[in-house]
Amino acid sequence: MANVKPAEGKLGIMVVGCGAVATTFMTGVLMARKGLAKPIGSVTQYDKIRVGKGESKKYLHYKDIVPLAKLDDIVFGTWDVYPQNAYQAAVYAEVLKAKDIEPVREELEQIIPMKAAFDKNFAKRLDGDNVKDCKTRWEMVQELKKDISNFKQQQGVDRIVVIWAASTEIYVPYNEKVHDSIEDLEQAMKGDDREHIAPSMCYAYAALTEGCPFIMGAPNTTVDIPAMWQLAENTRMPISGKDFKTGQTLVKSGFAPILKVRNLGLNGWFSTNILGNRDGLVLDEPANFHTKEVSKLSTLETILKKEDQPDLYGDIYHKVRINYYPPRNDAKEGWDNLDIFGWMGYPMQIKINFLCRDSILAAPLLLDLVLLSDLAARAGRYGTQRFLSFFLKSPMHDYTKGEEPVNNLFDQYVMLKNAIREMGGYEADEEID
């Protein structure tokens, strides 16, 4: 192993939000460690990658290359605006059948949400009353720090990772005066700047200062600001985000490279979704949808670059829509229409209809992101973890220096494999070209 601390003791996973995604994740992990379900979709549990070359080459599971925390060592905690325990929340979400929840009912009932740091202005459609009474954003931070510290002590965990699986907040654009340095950020929190400091930023600040990696699973700009990058460097903690790559963007990041390598042109890509869970309800609010739209729109243009191939991608019309449709609940449906063109400019079309389950696709991403963030921390990796882009819709990047995110799924996979190889003491021997 390449100077990676072993995964000794218990790993606390503190999930912001105890809704459909979080309870599907927690229930699946608890069922898997009893041998009653399989963690399908998780690369840390299933994927094998090559290490070494020539005669010394072998294909190994991640756990045989790097020291990953075991499912048996995970302890769950959560915050939510609704007080229902994880069992009640899992039943209410209607993602999983009773036969897949009841065997771990007792364990789920013990996962009771702490009061959330919440501001209704950032998610107007949510109405829960399990909320902290904080005078300022700085007070929010202090309360959350206490929660993390108490959880560590009471649960006897050695390490903690904090992951956001709550709703999409309204869009908070990068503001130099507030988001550019740790000092500016702290001053804005102490001054209770409720416009530029989202509640999610309080969670991230609290996590990092308590020595916990932080993962942003929604498209919120939370850790995607220079002040948080500096904080992650100072605290030597890993951060990653934004937005779990589940349905339509997974399709987009995997299918757009087909057009690229085949040198086919693209005139337009229209994407629309119907979704009925709490996420769909929150996104029915235009200000919250805008945050998601920014995230989903960024994928295509970094894969099919107009400056590289103006004949093929010089004028793409890209549109994304999400429609709240309660009858479907968590069973999301995505439609994609691609207007492409080929030899001599002749038009063709591709239609993709993805009937997916949002939380079923998201749950393994939470497991992978948590285990790999914990690994990164033990390997001494801190700041933005670009190798985790594989799991995220809108990967973090330093936009202040003109850096572009890598959105091509296959390039992201190379980054992931190389990082695992390096942390396992092997050569990072694949290139993105």
Protein backbone atom coordinates (compact mmCIF):
# COMPACT_ATOMS: atom_id res chain seq x y z
CA MET A 1 0.00 0.00 0.00
CA ALA A 2 1.14 3.53 -0.77
CA ASN A 3 1.16 5.21 2.66
CA VAL A 4 -2.58 4.86 3.14
CA LYS A 5 -3.71 4.58 6.74
CA PRO A 6 -5.71 1.40 7.39
CA ALA A 7 -9.50 1.57 7.72
CA GLU A 8 -9.49 0.80 11.44
CA GLY A 9 -12.54 1.20 13.65
CA LYS A 10 -16.01 2.44 12.76
CA LEU A 11 -16.89 4.84 9.94
CA GLY A 12 -19.70 7.29 10.67
CA ILE A 13 -21.75 8.35 7.67
CA MET A 14 -23.77 11.46 8.45
CA VAL A 15 -26.35 12.05 5.73
CA VAL A 16 -27.99 15.45 5.27
CA GLY A 17 -31.57 14.52 4.40
CA CYS A 18 -33.46 11.37 5.36
CA GLY A 19 -35.65 11.06 2.29
CA ALA A 20 -35.94 8.52 -0.52
CA VAL A 21 -32.28 8.53 -1.57
CA ALA A 22 -30.85 8.42 1.96
CA THR A 23 -33.18 5.69 3.25
CA THR A 24 -32.69 3.55 0.13
CA PHE A 25 -28.92 3.85 0.65
CA MET A 26 -29.05 3.06 4.38
CA THR A 27 -31.50 0.18 4.01
CA GLY A 28 -29.45 -1.35 1.20
CA VAL A 29 -26.22 -1.23 3.20
CA LEU A 30 -27.90 -2.74 6.29
CA MET A 31 -29.50 -5.50 4.16
CA ALA A 32 -26.27 -6.21 2.26
CA ARG A 33 -24.26 -6.74 5.42
CA LYS A 34 -26.84 -9.30 6.57
CA GLY A 35 -26.46 -11.08 3.23
CA LEU A 36 -30.09 -10.30 2.34
CA ALA A 37 -29.42 -7.98 -0.63
CA LYS A 38 -26.65 -7.25 -3.09
CA PRO A 39 -25.08 -3.77 -3.49
CA ILE A 40 -25.47 -3.84 -7.27
CA GLY A 41 -24.34 -0.69 -9.07
CA SER A 42 -21.51 0.01 -6.62
CA VAL A 43 -18.06 0.06 -8.22
CA THR A 44 -16.32 -0.26 -4.84
CA GLN A 45 -18.17 -3.54 -4.25
CA TYR A 46 -18.16 -5.02 -7.76
CA ASP A 47 -15.71 -3.41 -10.17
CA LYS A 48 -12.32 -4.93 -10.99
CA ILE A 49 -9.49 -2.91 -12.48
CA ARG A 50 -6.17 -3.83 -13.97
CA VAL A 51 -3.00 -3.14 -12.02
CA GLY A 52 0.44 -3.73 -13.47
CA LYS A 53 1.32 -4.57 -17.07
CA GLY A 54 2.60 -7.51 -19.05
CA GLU A 55 3.26 -10.67 -17.07
CA SER A 56 2.62 -8.94 -13.75
CA LYS A 57 -0.83 -7.63 -14.75
CA LYS A 58 -3.83 -8.68 -12.69
CA TYR A 59 -7.46 -7.61 -12.29
CA LEU A 60 -8.48 -6.89 -8.72
CA HIS A 61 -11.45 -5.61 -6.74
CA TYR A 62 -10.87 -2.17 -5.21
CA LYS A 63 -10.68 -3.64 -1.68
CA ASP A 64 -7.76 -5.81 -2.82
CA ILE A 65 -5.86 -2.75 -4.07
CA VAL A 66 -6.65 -0.19 -1.35
CA PRO A 67 -7.88 -0.45 2.27
CA LEU A 68 -11.61 0.36 2.04
CA ALA A 69 -13.91 0.56 5.05
CA LYS A 70 -16.11 -2.54 5.35
CA LEU A 71 -19.91 -2.35 5.26
CA ASP A 72 -19.94 -3.93 8.74
CA ASP A 73 -18.05 -0.92 10.12
CA ILE A 74 -20.55 1.72 8.95
CA VAL A 75 -22.69 3.65 11.44
CA PHE A 76 -25.42 5.99 10.13
CA GLY A 77 -26.58 9.39 11.35
CA THR A 78 -28.79 11.94 9.66
CA TRP A 79 -30.37 15.40 9.75
CA ASP A 80 -33.81 16.14 8.31
CA VAL A 81 -36.56 18.76 8.49
CA TYR A 82 -39.03 15.94 9.19
CA PRO A 83 -38.67 14.05 12.52
CA GLN A 84 -39.61 10.56 11.25
CA ASN A 85 -36.97 7.89 11.87
CA ALA A 86 -35.29 6.16 8.92
CA TYR A 87 -37.74 3.23 9.01
CA GLN A 88 -40.77 5.53 8.83
CA ALA A 89 -39.09 7.61 6.12
CA ALA A 90 -38.22 4.50 4.06
CA VAL A 91 -41.82 3.26 4.23
CA TYR A 92 -43.13 6.74 3.34
CA ALA A 93 -40.75 7.03 0.35
CA GLU A 94 -42.32 3.93 -1.27
CA VAL A 95 -39.11 3.06 -3.11
CA LEU A 96 -38.48 -0.30 -1.46
CA LYS A 97 -40.95 -3.12 -0.76
CA ALA A 98 -41.75 -4.13 2.82
CA LYS A 99 -39.80 -7.40 2.41
CA ASP A 100 -36.64 -5.34 1.78
CA ILE A 101 -37.17 -3.01 4.75
CA GLU A 102 -38.64 -5.16 7.54
CA PRO A 103 -35.54 -7.34 8.16
CA VAL A 104 -33.60 -4.20 9.22
CA ARG A 105 -36.53 -2.36 10.79
CA GLU A 106 -34.99 -2.19 14.27
CA GLU A 107 -31.71 -0.72 12.98
CA LEU A 108 -33.55 1.85 10.83
CA GLU A 109 -35.79 2.87 13.74
CA GLN A 110 -32.69 3.79 15.72
CA ILE A 111 -31.61 6.29 13.03
CA ILE A 112 -33.50 9.36 14.21
CA PRO A 113 -32.88 12.64 12.35
CA MET A 114 -31.25 15.48 14.25
CA LYS A 115 -32.82 18.90 13.72
CA ALA A 116 -31.85 20.29 10.34
CA ALA A 117 -30.15 23.61 9.66
CA PHE A 118 -32.83 24.90 7.33
CA ASP A 119 -34.03 28.09 5.68
CA LYS A 120 -37.39 27.82 3.92
CA ASN A 121 -36.37 30.50 1.42
CA PHE A 122 -33.94 27.97 -0.08
CA ALA A 123 -36.56 25.20 -0.48
CA LYS A 124 -40.01 26.79 -0.38
CA ARG A 125 -41.89 23.53 -1.01
CA LEU A 126 -40.61 21.84 2.19
CA ASP A 127 -42.58 22.32 5.39
CA GLY A 128 -40.93 20.25 8.13
CA ASP A 129 -40.70 21.41 11.72
CA ASN A 130 -37.64 19.42 12.85
CA VAL A 131 -35.53 22.53 12.41
CA LYS A 132 -32.83 24.29 14.43
CA ASP A 133 -33.71 27.69 15.85
CA CYS A 134 -30.59 29.64 14.88
CA LYS A 135 -30.27 33.41 14.95
CA THR A 136 -27.44 33.53 12.40
CA ARG A 137 -25.68 31.36 9.84
CA TRP A 138 -22.67 31.27 12.18
CA GLU A 139 -24.89 29.86 14.93
CA MET A 140 -26.03 27.21 12.42
CA VAL A 141 -22.38 26.24 11.90
CA GLN A 142 -21.73 25.94 15.65
CA GLU A 143 -24.84 23.79 16.18
CA LEU A 144 -23.84 21.46 13.33
CA LYS A 145 -20.28 21.19 14.66
CA LYS A 146 -21.79 20.10 18.01
CA ASP A 147 -23.94 17.50 16.24
CA ILE A 148 -20.90 16.00 14.50
CA SER A 149 -18.80 16.00 17.66
CA ASN A 150 -21.61 14.45 19.74
CA PHE A 151 -22.31 11.79 17.10
CA LYS A 152 -18.65 10.80 17.05
CA GLN A 153 -18.56 10.48 20.82
CA GLN A 154 -21.93 8.80 21.34
CA GLN A 155 -21.58 6.31 18.48
CA GLY A 156 -17.92 5.56 19.11
CA VAL A 157 -16.91 6.10 15.51
CA ASP A 158 -13.30 6.77 14.51
CA ARG A 159 -13.95 8.73 11.32
CA ILE A 160 -16.92 10.55 9.79
CA VAL A 161 -17.90 11.48 6.23
CA VAL A 162 -20.73 13.98 5.69
CA ILE A 163 -22.78 13.62 2.53
CA TRP A 164 -25.60 15.86 1.27
CA ALA A 165 -28.60 13.85 0.04
CA ALA A 166 -31.15 16.58 0.70
CA SER A 167 -33.08 18.77 -1.73
CA THR A 168 -31.72 21.17 -4.32
CA GLU A 169 -31.49 24.68 -2.93
CA ILE A 170 -32.24 27.82 -4.93
CA TYR A 171 -29.32 28.91 -7.07
CA VAL A 172 -26.60 30.85 -5.24
CA PRO A 173 -24.23 32.32 -7.84
CA TYR A 174 -20.56 32.78 -6.99
CA ASN A 175 -20.04 36.18 -5.36
CA GLU A 176 -16.41 37.36 -5.07
CA LYS A 177 -17.04 39.53 -2.01
CA VAL A 178 -18.48 36.64 -0.01
CA HIS A 179 -17.15 33.41 -1.54
CA ASP A 180 -13.57 34.30 -2.42
CA SER A 181 -11.79 33.63 0.89
CA ILE A 182 -12.38 31.85 4.19
CA GLU A 183 -12.32 35.24 5.99
CA ASP A 184 -15.02 36.67 3.71
CA LEU A 185 -17.14 33.53 4.12
CA GLU A 186 -16.87 33.57 7.92
CA GLN A 187 -17.65 37.27 8.05
CA ALA A 188 -20.79 36.72 5.93
CA MET A 189 -21.84 33.84 8.22
CA LYS A 190 -21.34 35.94 11.34
CA GLY A 191 -23.19 38.85 9.69
CA ASP A 192 -26.05 36.44 8.85
CA ASP A 193 -25.90 37.03 5.09
CA ARG A 194 -28.87 34.85 4.18
CA GLU A 195 -28.71 35.69 0.49
CA HIS A 196 -25.18 34.44 -0.22
CA ILE A 197 -24.78 31.80 2.50
CA ALA A 198 -26.99 28.78 1.89
CA PRO A 199 -27.69 26.35 4.76
CA SER A 200 -25.70 23.70 2.85
CA MET A 201 -22.61 25.91 3.18
CA CYS A 202 -23.01 25.72 6.96
CA TYR A 203 -23.01 21.91 6.79
CA ALA A 204 -19.89 21.90 4.61
CA TYR A 205 -18.04 24.39 6.82
CA ALA A 206 -18.98 22.44 9.97
CA ALA A 207 -17.92 19.11 8.43
CA LEU A 208 -14.54 20.32 7.20
CA THR A 209 -13.65 22.11 10.43
CA GLU A 210 -14.59 18.96 12.36
CA GLY A 211 -12.19 16.92 10.20
CA CYS A 212 -14.77 15.22 7.98
CA PRO A 213 -14.73 14.90 4.19
CA PHE A 214 -17.78 16.56 2.61
CA ILE A 215 -19.68 15.43 -0.49
CA MET A 216 -22.30 17.59 -2.23
CA GLY A 217 -24.90 15.31 -3.81
CA ALA A 218 -27.14 18.09 -5.16
CA PRO A 219 -26.27 20.78 -7.74
CA ASN A 220 -25.90 23.41 -4.98
CA THR A 221 -22.81 25.65 -5.28
CA THR A 222 -21.96 24.82 -1.64
CA VAL A 223 -18.33 23.68 -1.91
CA ASP A 224 -17.82 24.91 -5.46
CA ILE A 225 -16.42 28.26 -4.30
CA PRO A 226 -12.79 29.35 -3.64
CA ALA A 227 -13.41 29.87 0.10
CA MET A 228 -14.39 26.20 0.53
CA TRP A 229 -11.46 25.06 -1.60
CA GLN A 230 -9.16 26.98 0.76
CA LEU A 231 -10.90 25.53 3.80
CA ALA A 232 -10.50 21.99 2.42
CA GLU A 233 -6.78 22.68 1.87
CA ASN A 234 -6.35 24.17 5.36
CA THR A 235 -8.17 21.32 7.10
CA ARG A 236 -6.54 18.77 4.74
CA MET A 237 -9.94 17.28 3.99
CA PRO A 238 -11.34 15.95 0.68
CA ILE A 239 -14.37 17.60 -0.91
CA SER A 240 -16.36 16.52 -3.96
CA GLY A 241 -19.51 17.43 -5.86
CA LYS A 242 -21.87 18.34 -7.40
CA ASP A 243 -25.04 16.33 -7.95
CA PHE A 244 -25.30 12.52 -8.08
CA LYS A 245 -25.09 11.30 -11.68
CA THR A 246 -28.09 9.00 -11.86
CA GLY A 247 -30.38 8.92 -14.91
CA GLN A 248 -30.38 11.31 -17.80
CA THR A 249 -26.93 12.82 -17.27
CA LEU A 250 -25.45 9.33 -16.97
CA VAL A 251 -26.95 8.57 -20.38
CA LYS A 252 -25.66 11.89 -21.75
CA SER A 253 -22.10 11.48 -20.45
CA GLY A 254 -21.98 7.94 -21.87
CA PHE A 255 -23.75 8.52 -25.18
CA ALA A 256 -22.24 11.85 -26.27
CA PRO A 257 -18.79 10.17 -26.60
CA ILE A 258 -20.33 7.82 -29.22
CA LEU A 259 -21.06 10.83 -31.43
CA LYS A 260 -17.59 12.22 -30.74
CA VAL A 261 -15.59 9.09 -31.60
CA ARG A 262 -17.79 8.37 -34.64
CA ASN A 263 -17.45 12.02 -35.81
CA LEU A 264 -21.19 12.47 -36.22
CA GLY A 265 -22.70 15.94 -35.97
CA LEU A 266 -25.27 17.16 -33.46
CA ASN A 267 -27.87 19.86 -34.14
CA GLY A 268 -29.87 19.55 -30.95
CA TRP A 269 -30.41 17.51 -27.79
CA PHE A 270 -33.74 17.83 -25.99
CA SER A 271 -34.06 16.21 -22.55
CA THR A 272 -37.14 16.05 -20.39
CA ASN A 273 -37.99 14.16 -17.18
CA ILE A 274 -41.05 13.33 -15.15
CA LEU A 275 -40.45 12.74 -11.44
CA GLY A 276 -42.82 12.58 -8.49
CA ASN A 277 -40.76 12.29 -5.30
CA ARG A 278 -39.77 15.05 -2.86
CA ASP A 279 -36.94 16.04 -5.21
CA GLY A 280 -39.48 16.54 -8.00
CA LEU A 281 -41.66 18.64 -5.67
CA VAL A 282 -38.76 20.93 -4.74
CA LEU A 283 -37.63 21.22 -8.37
CA ASP A 284 -41.16 22.30 -9.34
CA GLU A 285 -40.14 25.68 -7.88
CA PRO A 286 -38.47 27.66 -10.74
CA ALA A 287 -35.66 29.05 -8.53
CA ASN A 288 -34.69 25.52 -7.43
CA PHE A 289 -34.98 24.12 -10.95
CA HIS A 290 -32.52 26.76 -12.19
CA THR A 291 -29.82 25.26 -9.93
CA LYS A 292 -30.44 21.82 -11.46
CA GLU A 293 -30.62 23.22 -15.00
CA VAL A 294 -27.17 24.81 -14.70
CA SER A 295 -25.80 21.44 -13.55
CA LYS A 296 -27.46 19.36 -16.29
CA LEU A 297 -26.67 21.78 -19.13
CA SER A 298 -22.93 21.79 -18.47
CA THR A 299 -22.35 18.15 -19.45
CA LEU A 300 -22.70 18.16 -23.21
CA GLU A 301 -20.63 21.20 -24.17
CA THR A 302 -17.46 19.91 -22.50
CA ILE A 303 -17.66 16.59 -24.39
CA LEU A 304 -18.74 17.87 -27.83
CA LYS A 305 -16.65 21.03 -28.11
CA LYS A 306 -17.53 23.52 -30.81
CA GLU A 307 -13.96 24.90 -30.92
CA ASP A 308 -12.54 21.43 -31.62
CA GLN A 309 -15.10 20.46 -34.28
CA PRO A 310 -17.05 23.51 -35.53
CA ASP A 311 -18.51 21.55 -38.47
CA LEU A 312 -20.01 18.97 -36.11
CA TYR A 313 -20.79 20.83 -32.89
CA GLY A 314 -20.68 24.51 -33.80
CA ASP A 315 -24.35 25.21 -33.15
CA ILE A 316 -25.94 22.72 -30.72
CA TYR A 317 -29.38 23.56 -29.31
CA HIS A 318 -29.48 21.96 -25.85
CA LYS A 319 -32.62 22.06 -23.71
CA VAL A 320 -33.39 20.37 -20.35
CA ARG A 321 -36.76 20.11 -18.60
CA ILE A 322 -37.94 18.48 -15.35
CA ASN A 323 -41.66 18.07 -14.71
CA TYR A 324 -43.16 17.26 -11.33
CA TYR A 325 -45.60 14.37 -11.79
CA PRO A 326 -46.71 12.82 -8.45
CA PRO A 327 -48.16 9.51 -9.78
CA ARG A 328 -44.64 8.29 -10.68
CA ASN A 329 -43.13 9.04 -7.24
CA ASP A 330 -39.51 7.78 -7.37
CA ALA A 331 -39.91 5.97 -10.71
CA LYS A 332 -38.45 8.67 -12.92
CA GLU A 333 -38.80 8.67 -16.70
CA GLY A 334 -36.39 10.48 -18.96
CA TRP A 335 -36.87 11.15 -22.66
CA ASP A 336 -34.02 12.29 -24.87
CA ASN A 337 -34.31 13.34 -28.48
CA LEU A 338 -31.09 13.81 -30.46
CA ASP A 339 -31.11 15.47 -33.86
CA ILE A 340 -27.86 14.30 -35.42
CA PHE A 341 -26.40 14.48 -38.91
CA GLY A 342 -23.96 12.39 -40.91
CA TRP A 343 -22.36 12.03 -44.34
CA MET A 344 -22.97 15.12 -46.49
CA GLY A 345 -25.06 16.63 -43.70
CA TYR A 346 -28.01 14.23 -43.94
CA PRO A 347 -30.22 14.32 -40.80
CA MET A 348 -30.96 11.40 -38.46
CA GLN A 349 -32.56 11.05 -35.03
CA ILE A 350 -31.92 9.06 -31.87
CA LYS A 351 -34.58 8.60 -29.17
CA ILE A 352 -33.75 7.34 -25.68
CA ASN A 353 -36.47 6.50 -23.15
CA PHE A 354 -35.01 5.67 -19.75
CA LEU A 355 -37.53 4.37 -17.19
CA CYS A 356 -35.34 4.46 -14.13
CA ARG A 357 -35.62 4.53 -10.37
CA ASP A 358 -33.93 7.60 -9.02
CA SER A 359 -33.02 6.32 -5.56
CA ILE A 360 -32.01 2.85 -6.83
CA LEU A 361 -29.48 4.51 -9.15
CA ALA A 362 -28.35 7.02 -6.49
CA ALA A 363 -27.84 4.64 -3.53
CA PRO A 364 -24.68 2.93 -4.87
CA LEU A 365 -23.23 6.36 -5.74
CA LEU A 366 -23.56 7.40 -2.09
CA LEU A 367 -21.79 4.25 -0.96
CA ASP A 368 -18.95 4.70 -3.45
CA LEU A 369 -18.50 8.42 -2.79
CA VAL A 370 -18.43 7.91 0.98
CA LEU A 371 -15.99 4.98 0.93
CA LEU A 372 -13.68 6.66 -1.59
CA SER A 373 -13.74 10.02 0.25
CA ASP A 374 -12.82 8.22 3.47
CA LEU A 375 -10.05 6.43 1.56
CA ALA A 376 -8.79 9.73 0.08
CA ALA A 377 -8.62 11.28 3.57
CA ARG A 378 -6.60 8.34 4.87
CA ALA A 379 -4.34 8.58 1.82
CA GLY A 380 -3.60 12.25 2.60
CA ARG A 381 -5.54 13.56 -0.40
CA TYR A 382 -7.33 16.83 0.26
CA GLY A 383 -9.13 19.59 -1.61
CA THR A 384 -11.28 18.84 -4.68
CA GLN A 385 -11.23 15.14 -5.55
CA ARG A 386 -11.48 15.24 -9.33
CA PHE A 387 -11.19 11.45 -9.55
CA LEU A 388 -14.73 11.24 -8.11
CA SER A 389 -16.16 13.06 -11.17
CA PHE A 390 -17.32 9.64 -12.43
CA PHE A 391 -20.14 9.72 -9.88
CA LEU A 392 -21.22 13.34 -10.34
CA LYS A 393 -23.31 15.32 -12.83
CA SER A 394 -21.44 18.60 -12.65
CA PRO A 395 -17.89 17.87 -11.46
CA MET A 396 -16.09 20.55 -9.48
CA HIS A 397 -13.29 22.45 -11.23
CA ASP A 398 -11.38 25.68 -10.77
CA TYR A 399 -13.46 27.98 -12.98
CA THR A 400 -11.50 31.01 -11.69
CA LYS A 401 -8.56 29.75 -13.76
CA GLY A 402 -10.58 28.69 -16.78
CA GLU A 403 -10.35 24.98 -15.95
CA GLU A 404 -13.01 22.82 -17.61
CA PRO A 405 -14.61 19.82 -15.89
CA VAL A 406 -14.14 16.36 -17.40
CA ASN A 407 -17.65 15.11 -18.27
CA ASN A 408 -16.87 12.26 -20.66
CA LEU A 409 -17.84 9.13 -18.66
CA PHE A 410 -14.96 7.08 -20.07
CA ASP A 411 -12.36 9.74 -19.32
CA GLN A 412 -13.80 10.01 -15.82
CA TYR A 413 -13.44 6.24 -15.42
CA VAL A 414 -9.76 6.50 -16.36
CA MET A 415 -9.28 9.18 -13.68
CA LEU A 416 -11.00 6.96 -11.11
CA LYS A 417 -8.91 3.88 -11.96
CA ASN A 418 -5.66 5.85 -11.95
CA ALA A 419 -6.40 7.28 -8.50
CA ILE A 420 -7.14 3.80 -7.10
CA ARG A 421 -3.92 2.50 -8.65
CA GLU A 422 -1.87 5.35 -7.16
CA MET A 423 -3.36 4.91 -3.69
CA GLY A 424 -2.66 1.19 -3.97
CA GLY A 425 1.01 1.80 -4.76
CA TYR A 426 0.74 0.98 -8.46
CA GLU A 427 1.55 3.12 -11.47
CA ALA A 428 -1.26 5.33 -12.81
CA ASP A 429 -0.74 4.02 -16.32
CA GLU A 430 -3.76 5.14 -18.37
CA GLU A 431 -3.94 8.46 -20.14
CA ILE A 432 -6.84 10.70 -21.10
CA ASP A 433 -6.09 11.89 -24.61
